Amino acid sequence: MNNLIPFDEFSDLWDEVPVVIPDTNAILDLYRNSSLTTEHVLEIFGLISNQIWIPHQVAEEYQNNYRGVISGAKKKYDDVTEKVQTTVQKAKNDVNKQFLRYKGFKFPKINELGDYINTKISEIEAEAARFGDDIIDEISRNKRMLEDDYVKTFMDQLEADGKVGSPFTYSEKIVLITEGDSRYSRKIPPGYEDEKEKDKKDPIKKTQKFGDLFVWKQLLLHAEENGRPIIFITNDNKEDWWVLDKDGNIVSPRKELLDEFSDYSDQNFTMMGLPEFVGHVAKIINKENTLSFLELNATSVLDDIVEYKGWEEVLDGNLQLTSYLIHNGDLQDYVSNPLTDVEIFNFNASKLEIDNVELDGTFVSMEGTFTIVVEATISQYGDRDEQVMITINGYINAQFEIDLEKKEDNIKKNTVKLTLGGFDIKNVVYYDQTGDLDESDMDYQGEELELCSGCGEYKGRGEFRGSLCNACED
C-alpha cells in the first residue's frame, strides 16, 4: 500500500488530536511481523493509546481469529529449518537417482562427476545446518513473542481502559443486514468484495460478509458522538474501500465513504495503511526505527530497488529469461511448431509480493514472488514470426546493507544483490495481424482488464479480490 498523505499534511492533522481506529487486519498482521517490528509498533500504540478507539466489531473479529493467526505464525518458524533440510535431501535423492541411470549407460567419467556433485551437496547440507544454528535466536525471540502474546496484552488493556465500543443490539443488526443486502447489490462500499468468500464460510445465515459494514457503521457513530477527526488504519487494499488505478494501486478512499462520513461529522476523515501511519507517528514522537520501517514497507522498498535497476536488467541482463523461454520447453506448449528463437522487446506491468523479511544487524534479506508481463517476438520452424504477450511468475530474493545513521535513502546501493528464478509461464496472448491483442485468447472482452498475480491471466476489474482474481482466492 503506497503512501497517500505527505508528512507535513499528516503532522497538521495530528495536531488536531484525531481518534485512531485500527481495522482488524491491521491488528492481526502484527503477528506476522518479526518480534522487533511488532514490539516497535506496539510501543508506538502504547504511547498514543489515549487516542486509540476500537469498534466492537473489530474486537470481536480479533477474538475470533487471533488464535488461528498465531498458530500459522508459529508453524512458519517451526518449518523454516525443516524445509531447508528437506529441499537439500530431495535434491540429493534426485541426483543419485539420475546417476544410477547414467552409470547403466556406461558414460565416461560418470563416477567422478557423481562423487564431485555429492561432495558439493554435503557441503550444502552443512551450510543448511549452520543456517539453522544461526537463526535459532531469532526464531526463539519470535516464538516467545507469540507465546507471550504482546498483541493480546495490548488489546486487553484497551478494553480495560474503556477503549472498545459497544456492540450493536440484535434489532440494530437486523436493520444493518437489510441495508447491507441493498448496498452490496449496488456495489456501495464497504464490504461487498467479501460477499462471495464469506458466504461460503457462512452458507446458512450469510451475515459474516457484513463485518466491514458493521465496523464502518460503528466508526460513523463514534465520529458523530466524539466530534473529533478520525484516522482509520486498514491494510485492506480492495476496491470496496479504495479507488484503484489501472494497475491496482490505491489512489484515494472511495468517494461514497467520504460522503457518508460527512453525514455524521464535519471533521476530517483519513484512511491509511499501518506502515504509513507508523512511519508518520514515529517521526512525530521521535521513535523512528529503520529496520521496522523496512519490514513494514518491504513491498515498496523492493519495488524501488527493482525499478532503480530496471526489470530488463534484473530479469534478462544475462539473457537468463530469454534462455528460459527458448530452452526450458514451457513456451513450446503455446506454439504450434518447434520454437527456434525468442526476442523480448518490452517489459510491462509487474507485481511483487513479499513472503519474508530477515533482519540481521545492518543486513537485510527480502524474499517473495513476482508477476510480470513481457512482450516478445517468437520464431517457429517453418512459420512466420509472431508477437506475443507472456505473463511470467517467479521468485525473487534481495539482499543489501543499510546505513542506520541515515533516516532516508539508507540502502547502500553498492551492496544490493538480486536473485531471480523459478520462472513459470502463466499465460500467453497473441497479437493479431494488425498488431492488436487477439481478444480470442482472453477470458473477458469489452471491459478494462487487470493482471491476476495468481494465475497470470487478464480478468475483468469486477473479478478481483485484492491482487488475486476470484478463482485464485477460492
Protein backbone atom coordinates (compact mmCIF):
# COMPACT_ATOMS: atom_id res chain seq x y z
CA MET A 1 0.00 0.00 0.00
CA ASN A 2 1.58 3.24 -1.16
CA ASN A 3 1.83 6.37 0.98
CA LEU A 4 -1.18 8.63 0.50
CA ILE A 5 -0.55 11.58 2.80
CA PRO A 6 2.58 13.78 2.86
CA PHE A 7 4.21 14.03 6.27
CA ASP A 8 3.56 17.76 6.65
CA GLU A 9 -0.14 17.24 5.98
CA PHE A 10 -0.27 14.37 8.47
CA SER A 11 1.56 16.44 11.08
CA ASP A 12 -1.08 19.17 10.80
CA LEU A 13 -3.80 16.55 11.19
CA TRP A 14 -2.05 15.08 14.23
CA ASP A 15 -2.11 18.49 15.92
CA GLU A 16 -5.92 18.19 15.93
CA VAL A 17 -5.64 15.10 18.22
CA PRO A 18 -7.56 12.68 15.99
CA VAL A 19 -9.12 9.41 17.12
CA VAL A 20 -7.11 6.46 15.76
CA ILE A 21 -9.23 3.44 14.77
CA PRO A 22 -7.38 0.29 13.58
CA ASP A 23 -9.19 -2.31 11.49
CA THR A 24 -8.96 -6.00 12.43
CA ASN A 25 -6.43 -6.79 9.69
CA ALA A 26 -4.02 -4.09 10.92
CA ILE A 27 -4.01 -5.71 14.37
CA LEU A 28 -3.77 -9.34 13.23
CA ASP A 29 -0.95 -8.51 10.81
CA LEU A 30 1.25 -7.68 13.82
CA TYR A 31 1.51 -11.42 14.49
CA ARG A 32 3.04 -11.91 11.05
CA ASN A 33 5.93 -9.49 11.58
CA SER A 34 9.24 -10.08 13.32
CA SER A 35 9.43 -9.54 17.07
CA LEU A 36 11.43 -6.33 16.51
CA THR A 37 8.77 -4.76 14.29
CA THR A 38 5.81 -5.92 16.37
CA GLU A 39 7.33 -4.56 19.56
CA HIS A 40 8.11 -1.26 17.84
CA VAL A 41 4.52 -0.85 16.59
CA LEU A 42 3.09 -1.79 19.99
CA GLU A 43 5.42 0.71 21.67
CA ILE A 44 4.06 3.46 19.43
CA PHE A 45 0.47 2.34 20.01
CA GLY A 46 1.13 2.37 23.74
CA LEU A 47 2.41 5.94 23.64
CA ILE A 48 -0.71 7.14 21.81
CA SER A 49 -3.21 4.79 23.46
CA ASN A 50 -5.24 7.75 24.74
CA GLN A 51 -6.18 8.41 21.09
CA ILE A 52 -6.99 4.82 20.10
CA TRP A 53 -10.55 3.50 19.95
CA ILE A 54 -11.63 0.01 18.85
CA PRO A 55 -15.05 -0.69 17.27
CA HIS A 56 -16.73 -3.64 18.96
CA GLN A 57 -16.85 -5.48 15.64
CA VAL A 58 -13.04 -5.22 15.37
CA ALA A 59 -12.60 -6.54 18.93
CA GLU A 60 -14.98 -9.42 18.16
CA GLU A 61 -13.22 -10.34 14.91
CA TYR A 62 -9.87 -10.18 16.67
CA GLN A 63 -11.07 -12.58 19.39
CA ASN A 64 -12.42 -14.99 16.77
CA ASN A 65 -9.26 -15.06 14.66
CA TYR A 66 -6.11 -14.34 16.69
CA ARG A 67 -5.50 -17.96 17.77
CA GLY A 68 -5.52 -19.17 14.17
CA VAL A 69 -3.13 -16.41 13.11
CA ILE A 70 -0.76 -17.26 15.99
CA SER A 71 -0.86 -20.93 15.02
CA GLY A 72 0.09 -20.10 11.43
CA ALA A 73 2.89 -17.77 12.54
CA LYS A 74 4.34 -20.40 14.90
CA LYS A 75 4.26 -23.03 12.17
CA LYS A 76 6.25 -20.70 9.91
CA TYR A 77 9.10 -20.69 12.42
CA ASP A 78 8.83 -24.42 13.12
CA ASP A 79 9.04 -25.22 9.42
CA VAL A 80 11.91 -22.97 8.37
CA THR A 81 14.91 -25.25 9.08
CA GLU A 82 12.96 -28.41 8.28
CA LYS A 83 12.04 -27.08 4.83
CA VAL A 84 15.65 -26.18 4.06
CA GLN A 85 16.84 -29.65 5.03
CA THR A 86 14.01 -31.34 3.12
CA THR A 87 14.84 -29.38 -0.02
CA VAL A 88 18.51 -30.35 0.17
CA GLN A 89 17.68 -34.02 0.81
CA LYS A 90 15.28 -34.11 -2.14
CA ALA A 91 17.97 -32.66 -4.41
CA LYS A 92 20.42 -35.30 -3.18
CA ASN A 93 17.95 -38.13 -3.84
CA ASP A 94 17.10 -36.82 -7.32
CA VAL A 95 20.78 -36.53 -8.27
CA ASN A 96 21.59 -40.04 -7.01
CA LYS A 97 18.63 -41.49 -8.92
CA GLN A 98 19.80 -39.88 -12.17
CA PHE A 99 23.38 -41.03 -11.73
CA LEU A 100 22.25 -44.62 -11.20
CA ARG A 101 20.63 -44.40 -14.65
CA TYR A 102 23.71 -42.79 -16.20
CA LYS A 103 26.00 -45.49 -14.80
CA GLY A 104 23.91 -48.05 -16.65
CA PHE A 105 24.64 -46.22 -19.90
CA LYS A 106 28.42 -46.53 -19.28
CA PHE A 107 29.05 -42.78 -19.73
CA PRO A 108 32.79 -41.94 -19.36
CA LYS A 109 33.90 -40.44 -16.02
CA ILE A 110 30.34 -40.59 -14.69
CA ASN A 111 31.53 -41.87 -11.30
CA GLU A 112 33.92 -38.95 -10.84
CA LEU A 113 31.17 -36.46 -11.68
CA GLY A 114 28.76 -38.16 -9.29
CA ASP A 115 31.30 -38.08 -6.46
CA TYR A 116 32.02 -34.40 -7.11
CA ILE A 117 28.33 -33.43 -7.05
CA ASN A 118 27.67 -35.45 -3.88
CA THR A 119 30.59 -33.68 -2.20
CA LYS A 120 29.04 -30.33 -3.07
CA ILE A 121 25.64 -31.46 -1.79
CA SER A 122 27.26 -32.49 1.50
CA GLU A 123 28.73 -29.00 1.75
CA ILE A 124 25.24 -27.56 1.19
CA GLU A 125 23.86 -29.84 3.93
CA ALA A 126 26.48 -28.49 6.32
CA GLU A 127 25.57 -24.90 5.38
CA ALA A 128 21.89 -25.68 5.94
CA ALA A 129 22.69 -26.99 9.42
CA ARG A 130 24.71 -23.86 10.19
CA PHE A 131 21.80 -21.75 8.92
CA GLY A 132 19.54 -23.42 11.48
CA ASP A 133 22.02 -22.63 14.25
CA ASP A 134 22.43 -19.02 13.10
CA ILE A 135 18.72 -18.19 13.16
CA ILE A 136 17.77 -20.12 16.30
CA ASP A 137 17.95 -16.98 18.47
CA GLU A 138 15.66 -15.03 16.14
CA ILE A 139 13.22 -17.95 15.95
CA SER A 140 13.20 -18.16 19.75
CA ARG A 141 12.51 -14.42 20.07
CA ASN A 142 9.65 -14.56 17.61
CA LYS A 143 8.09 -17.67 19.15
CA ARG A 144 8.41 -16.14 22.62
CA MET A 145 6.64 -13.02 21.38
CA LEU A 146 3.80 -15.17 20.04
CA GLU A 147 3.57 -17.26 23.20
CA ASP A 148 3.62 -14.22 25.50
CA ASP A 149 1.18 -12.58 23.06
CA TYR A 150 2.07 -8.93 23.46
CA VAL A 151 -0.68 -8.05 20.97
CA LYS A 152 -3.42 -9.60 23.11
CA THR A 153 -1.98 -7.93 26.20
CA PHE A 154 -2.33 -4.61 24.41
CA MET A 155 -5.89 -5.37 23.25
CA ASP A 156 -6.91 -6.49 26.74
CA GLN A 157 -5.55 -3.25 28.19
CA LEU A 158 -7.55 -1.18 25.71
CA GLU A 159 -10.71 -2.99 26.75
CA ALA A 160 -9.90 -2.49 30.44
CA ASP A 161 -9.41 1.23 29.75
CA GLY A 162 -12.83 1.52 28.12
CA LYS A 163 -11.39 1.95 24.62
CA VAL A 164 -13.68 -0.64 22.99
CA GLY A 165 -17.10 0.40 21.72
CA SER A 166 -20.46 -1.19 22.44
CA PRO A 167 -21.92 -3.95 20.24
CA PHE A 168 -24.97 -3.47 18.08
CA THR A 169 -28.19 -4.85 19.52
CA TYR A 170 -29.89 -7.74 17.73
CA SER A 171 -32.50 -5.37 16.30
CA GLU A 172 -29.81 -2.98 15.07
CA LYS A 173 -28.02 -5.85 13.33
CA ILE A 174 -31.23 -6.88 11.53
CA VAL A 175 -31.64 -3.34 10.21
CA LEU A 176 -27.98 -3.23 9.08
CA ILE A 177 -28.19 -6.64 7.40
CA THR A 178 -31.17 -5.44 5.38
CA GLU A 179 -29.27 -2.28 4.47
CA GLY A 180 -26.20 -4.36 3.64
CA ASP A 181 -28.09 -6.52 1.14
CA SER A 182 -29.24 -3.37 -0.62
CA ARG A 183 -25.76 -1.78 -0.58
CA TYR A 184 -23.91 -4.87 -1.78
CA SER A 185 -26.30 -5.46 -4.69
CA ARG A 186 -25.43 -1.92 -5.84
CA LYS A 187 -21.68 -2.20 -5.08
CA ILE A 188 -21.88 0.52 -2.42
CA PRO A 189 -18.83 0.31 -0.10
CA PRO A 190 -17.57 -1.02 2.16
CA GLY A 191 -17.54 -4.82 2.29
CA TYR A 192 -19.16 -6.04 -0.89
CA GLU A 193 -15.90 -7.60 -2.08
CA ASP A 194 -16.14 -10.07 0.83
CA GLU A 195 -19.59 -11.34 -0.13
CA LYS A 196 -18.69 -14.44 -2.12
CA GLU A 197 -15.87 -15.58 0.18
CA LYS A 198 -17.78 -15.02 3.44
CA ASP A 199 -20.99 -16.65 2.16
CA LYS A 200 -19.01 -19.87 1.63
CA LYS A 201 -17.93 -19.80 5.27
CA ASP A 202 -21.41 -18.82 6.46
CA PRO A 203 -23.80 -20.51 3.98
CA ILE A 204 -26.86 -20.55 6.27
CA LYS A 205 -27.11 -17.10 7.87
CA LYS A 206 -24.93 -15.32 5.30
CA THR A 207 -24.17 -12.49 7.74
CA GLN A 208 -20.36 -12.72 8.10
CA LYS A 209 -19.98 -10.72 4.90
CA PHE A 210 -21.30 -7.64 6.70
CA GLY A 211 -18.32 -7.43 9.06
CA ASP A 212 -16.76 -4.45 7.25
CA LEU A 213 -20.13 -2.69 7.16
CA PHE A 214 -20.55 -3.18 10.93
CA VAL A 215 -17.06 -1.73 11.52
CA TRP A 216 -17.87 1.22 9.28
CA LYS A 217 -21.20 1.96 10.95
CA GLN A 218 -19.65 1.80 14.44
CA LEU A 219 -16.91 4.16 13.26
CA LEU A 220 -19.53 6.61 11.94
CA LEU A 221 -21.50 6.58 15.19
CA HIS A 222 -18.33 7.19 17.20
CA ALA A 223 -17.37 10.09 14.93
CA GLU A 224 -20.82 11.59 15.45
CA GLU A 225 -20.63 11.25 19.24
CA ASN A 226 -16.98 12.24 19.64
CA GLY A 227 -16.70 15.25 17.34
CA ARG A 228 -13.00 14.70 16.55
CA PRO A 229 -11.14 13.85 13.32
CA ILE A 230 -10.82 10.15 12.56
CA ILE A 231 -7.82 8.20 11.25
CA PHE A 232 -8.86 4.73 10.09
CA ILE A 233 -5.95 2.27 9.74
CA THR A 234 -6.57 -0.63 7.39
CA ASN A 235 -4.33 -2.98 5.42
CA ASP A 236 -7.28 -3.95 3.21
CA ASN A 237 -6.46 -2.81 -0.33
CA LYS A 238 -9.64 -3.89 -2.13
CA GLU A 239 -11.83 -1.69 -4.26
CA ASP A 240 -14.70 -1.68 -1.75
CA TRP A 241 -12.58 0.67 0.39
CA TRP A 242 -10.38 2.43 -2.16
CA VAL A 243 -10.30 3.98 -5.60
CA LEU A 244 -7.69 1.94 -7.50
CA ASP A 245 -5.79 2.85 -10.66
CA LYS A 246 -5.48 0.50 -13.65
CA ASP A 247 -2.51 -1.27 -12.00
CA GLY A 248 -4.39 -1.85 -8.74
CA ASN A 249 -2.56 0.88 -6.82
CA ILE A 250 -4.50 2.87 -4.23
CA VAL A 251 -5.43 6.40 -5.26
CA SER A 252 -7.82 7.57 -2.54
CA PRO A 253 -10.68 6.42 -0.28
CA ARG A 254 -13.94 5.75 -2.09
CA LYS A 255 -15.96 8.94 -2.51
CA GLU A 256 -19.07 7.19 -1.18
CA LEU A 257 -17.30 6.66 2.16
CA LEU A 258 -16.22 10.29 2.39
CA ASP A 259 -19.73 11.48 1.55
CA GLU A 260 -21.31 9.16 4.11
CA PHE A 261 -18.85 10.24 6.80
CA SER A 262 -19.78 13.88 6.18
CA ASP A 263 -23.40 12.98 7.03
CA TYR A 264 -22.25 12.14 10.56
CA SER A 265 -19.42 14.59 11.21
CA ASP A 266 -17.92 17.82 9.88
CA GLN A 267 -14.44 16.69 11.00
CA ASN A 268 -11.69 15.21 8.81
CA PHE A 269 -11.74 11.53 7.90
CA THR A 270 -8.46 9.91 6.83
CA MET A 271 -7.68 6.34 5.75
CA MET A 272 -4.19 4.83 5.52
CA GLY A 273 -2.27 1.60 5.88
CA LEU A 274 -0.43 0.63 9.06
CA PRO A 275 3.08 1.15 7.57
CA GLU A 276 2.32 4.73 6.56
CA PHE A 277 0.67 5.52 9.90
CA VAL A 278 3.53 4.09 11.97
CA GLY A 279 6.11 5.89 9.83
CA HIS A 280 4.46 9.29 10.29
CA VAL A 281 3.72 8.95 14.01
CA ALA A 282 7.18 7.54 14.77
CA LYS A 283 8.70 10.61 13.15
CA ILE A 284 6.49 12.96 15.16
CA ILE A 285 7.21 11.33 18.54
CA ASN A 286 10.88 10.64 17.70
CA LYS A 287 10.55 6.84 17.73
CA GLU A 288 11.74 6.03 14.22
CA ASN A 289 13.21 2.57 13.65
CA THR A 290 14.89 1.88 10.32
CA LEU A 291 14.63 -1.91 10.50
CA SER A 292 10.96 -1.80 11.46
CA PHE A 293 10.29 0.64 8.63
CA LEU A 294 11.95 -1.68 6.11
CA GLU A 295 9.86 -4.66 7.18
CA LEU A 296 6.57 -2.77 7.25
CA ASN A 297 7.27 -1.24 3.83
CA ALA A 298 9.05 -4.24 2.31
CA THR A 299 7.00 -4.38 -0.89
CA SER A 300 7.54 -0.72 -1.80
CA VAL A 301 11.24 -0.92 -0.80
CA LEU A 302 11.84 -3.94 -3.04
CA ASP A 303 9.81 -2.37 -5.83
CA ASP A 304 12.02 0.74 -5.66
CA ILE A 305 15.17 -1.40 -5.79
CA VAL A 306 13.96 -3.31 -8.85
CA GLU A 307 12.76 -0.15 -10.60
CA TYR A 308 16.14 1.50 -9.88
CA LYS A 309 17.97 -1.34 -11.60
CA GLY A 310 15.27 -1.86 -14.23
CA TRP A 311 13.28 -5.02 -14.87
CA GLU A 312 15.10 -5.61 -18.15
CA GLU A 313 18.49 -5.70 -16.41
CA VAL A 314 17.23 -7.66 -13.41
CA LEU A 315 15.37 -10.32 -15.38
CA ASP A 316 17.34 -10.58 -18.59
CA GLY A 317 20.66 -8.82 -18.08
CA ASN A 318 22.48 -12.09 -18.73
CA LEU A 319 19.73 -13.37 -21.03
CA GLN A 320 18.53 -15.73 -18.29
CA LEU A 321 14.86 -15.11 -19.06
CA THR A 322 15.41 -15.34 -22.81
CA SER A 323 17.28 -18.61 -22.31
CA TYR A 324 14.44 -19.97 -20.18
CA LEU A 325 11.82 -19.07 -22.80
CA ILE A 326 13.82 -20.68 -25.62
CA HIS A 327 15.22 -23.79 -23.94
CA ASN A 328 13.01 -24.75 -20.98
CA GLY A 329 10.11 -26.04 -23.06
CA ASP A 330 7.32 -24.23 -21.20
CA LEU A 331 6.73 -21.78 -24.06
CA GLN A 332 6.68 -24.65 -26.56
CA ASP A 333 3.28 -25.67 -25.15
CA TYR A 334 1.84 -22.40 -26.50
CA VAL A 335 3.16 -22.64 -30.09
CA SER A 336 2.29 -24.92 -32.99
CA ASN A 337 5.75 -25.62 -34.44
CA PRO A 338 9.21 -26.10 -32.93
CA LEU A 339 10.37 -22.88 -31.26
CA THR A 340 13.62 -21.51 -32.69
CA ASP A 341 14.07 -18.06 -31.11
CA VAL A 342 12.58 -15.52 -28.70
CA GLU A 343 13.36 -11.81 -28.64
CA ILE A 344 11.94 -9.81 -25.72
CA PHE A 345 11.29 -6.19 -26.69
CA ASN A 346 9.26 -4.82 -23.79
CA PHE A 347 8.76 -5.31 -20.04
CA ASN A 348 5.28 -4.23 -18.92
CA ALA A 349 3.11 -4.46 -15.78
CA SER A 350 4.73 -6.09 -12.76
CA LYS A 351 3.61 -7.04 -9.27
CA LEU A 352 5.67 -8.02 -6.23
CA GLU A 353 4.52 -9.98 -3.18
CA ILE A 354 6.81 -10.23 -0.12
CA ASP A 355 6.79 -13.53 1.77
CA ASN A 356 9.60 -12.99 4.27
CA VAL A 357 11.93 -10.29 5.59
CA GLU A 358 15.02 -11.14 7.66
CA LEU A 359 16.95 -8.54 9.62
CA ASP A 360 20.44 -9.20 10.97
CA GLY A 361 22.21 -6.09 12.21
CA THR A 362 22.57 -3.88 9.15
CA PHE A 363 21.98 -6.77 6.74
CA VAL A 364 18.51 -7.18 5.18
CA SER A 365 17.15 -10.08 3.14
CA MET A 366 13.76 -10.00 1.41
CA GLU A 367 12.13 -12.96 -0.30
CA GLY A 368 8.99 -13.01 -2.38
CA THR A 369 7.36 -13.66 -5.71
CA PHE A 370 6.80 -11.56 -8.80
CA THR A 371 4.49 -11.50 -11.78
CA ILE A 372 5.49 -9.63 -14.90
CA VAL A 373 4.18 -9.25 -18.44
CA VAL A 374 6.74 -9.19 -21.25
CA GLU A 375 6.21 -8.62 -24.96
CA ALA A 376 8.28 -10.72 -27.32
CA THR A 377 8.71 -11.84 -30.89
CA ILE A 378 8.77 -15.63 -31.20
CA SER A 379 10.16 -17.56 -34.15
CA GLN A 380 8.97 -21.04 -35.08
CA TYR A 381 10.41 -23.54 -37.54
CA GLY A 382 8.63 -23.22 -40.87
CA ASP A 383 6.28 -20.45 -39.72
CA ARG A 384 6.18 -16.66 -39.62
CA ASP A 385 7.38 -14.69 -36.61
CA GLU A 386 4.64 -13.66 -34.20
CA GLN A 387 4.37 -11.13 -31.40
CA VAL A 388 3.04 -12.31 -28.05
CA MET A 389 2.42 -11.03 -24.55
CA ILE A 390 3.72 -13.51 -21.94
CA THR A 391 2.76 -13.49 -18.26
CA ILE A 392 5.52 -14.95 -16.09
CA ASN A 393 5.71 -15.75 -12.37
CA GLY A 394 8.92 -16.30 -10.43
CA TYR A 395 10.80 -15.99 -7.16
CA ILE A 396 12.88 -13.01 -6.09
CA ASN A 397 15.44 -12.52 -3.32
CA ALA A 398 17.04 -9.20 -2.44
CA GLN A 399 19.98 -8.77 -0.09
CA PHE A 400 21.50 -5.47 0.92
CA GLU A 401 23.03 -3.47 3.75
CA ILE A 402 21.63 -0.31 5.28
CA ASP A 403 23.14 2.74 6.96
CA LEU A 404 21.42 3.03 10.35
CA GLU A 405 22.71 6.58 10.76
CA LYS A 406 20.61 7.82 7.84
CA LYS A 407 16.83 8.18 8.11
CA GLU A 408 16.28 8.44 4.34
CA ASP A 409 17.97 6.88 1.32
CA ASN A 410 19.72 4.50 3.72
CA ILE A 411 20.14 1.48 1.45
CA LYS A 412 23.76 1.03 0.38
CA LYS A 413 23.19 0.70 -3.35
CA ASN A 414 26.55 -0.96 -4.00
CA THR A 415 25.61 -3.85 -1.68
CA VAL A 416 22.32 -4.73 -3.39
CA LYS A 417 22.20 -8.27 -4.75
CA LEU A 418 19.09 -9.51 -6.56
CA THR A 419 18.47 -13.17 -7.37
CA LEU A 420 15.53 -14.22 -9.54
CA GLY A 421 14.47 -17.66 -10.70
CA GLY A 422 11.77 -20.30 -10.66
CA PHE A 423 10.25 -18.89 -13.85
CA ASP A 424 6.80 -20.20 -14.73
CA ILE A 425 4.66 -19.16 -17.69
CA LYS A 426 1.07 -18.45 -16.67
CA ASN A 427 -0.41 -17.12 -19.88
CA VAL A 428 0.45 -16.27 -23.48
CA VAL A 429 -1.64 -13.90 -25.59
CA TYR A 430 -1.01 -13.48 -29.32
CA TYR A 431 -1.21 -10.25 -31.27
CA ASP A 432 -3.33 -10.44 -34.42
CA GLN A 433 -2.19 -9.38 -37.89
CA THR A 434 -2.91 -5.69 -37.13
CA GLY A 435 -0.67 -5.65 -34.07
CA ASP A 436 -3.58 -5.64 -31.60
CA LEU A 437 -4.02 -8.25 -28.89
CA ASP A 438 -6.10 -11.19 -30.07
CA GLU A 439 -9.17 -10.98 -27.83
CA SER A 440 -9.99 -14.62 -28.55
CA ASP A 441 -7.07 -15.53 -26.28
CA MET A 442 -8.57 -13.58 -23.36
CA ASP A 443 -11.27 -14.66 -20.98
CA TYR A 444 -13.01 -11.26 -20.83
CA GLN A 445 -13.88 -8.81 -23.58
CA GLY A 446 -15.39 -5.34 -23.75
CA GLU A 447 -14.08 -4.12 -20.39
CA GLU A 448 -10.85 -2.96 -18.77
CA LEU A 449 -8.64 -5.93 -17.89
CA GLU A 450 -6.29 -6.48 -14.98
CA LEU A 451 -3.48 -8.94 -14.37
CA CYS A 452 -4.03 -11.58 -11.67
CA SER A 453 -0.79 -12.27 -9.76
CA GLY A 454 -2.00 -15.81 -9.01
CA CYS A 455 -2.97 -17.39 -12.33
CA GLY A 456 -1.25 -14.77 -14.51
CA GLU A 457 -4.34 -14.23 -16.64
CA TYR A 458 -6.12 -11.00 -17.50
CA LYS A 459 -9.56 -10.71 -15.92
CA GLY A 460 -12.28 -8.09 -15.65
CA ARG A 461 -11.96 -5.43 -12.94
CA GLY A 462 -15.01 -6.80 -11.13
CA GLU A 463 -13.47 -10.27 -10.84
CA PHE A 464 -10.79 -9.39 -8.27
CA ARG A 465 -10.39 -9.52 -4.52
CA GLY A 466 -7.14 -7.62 -3.93
CA SER A 467 -4.38 -8.71 -6.32
CA LEU A 468 -5.96 -12.14 -6.92
CA CYS A 469 -8.96 -12.97 -9.07
CA ASN A 470 -11.97 -14.67 -7.52
CA ALA A 471 -10.95 -18.07 -8.91
CA CYS A 472 -7.50 -17.90 -7.27
CA GLU A 473 -8.92 -16.64 -3.97
CA ASP A 474 -11.33 -19.59 -3.89
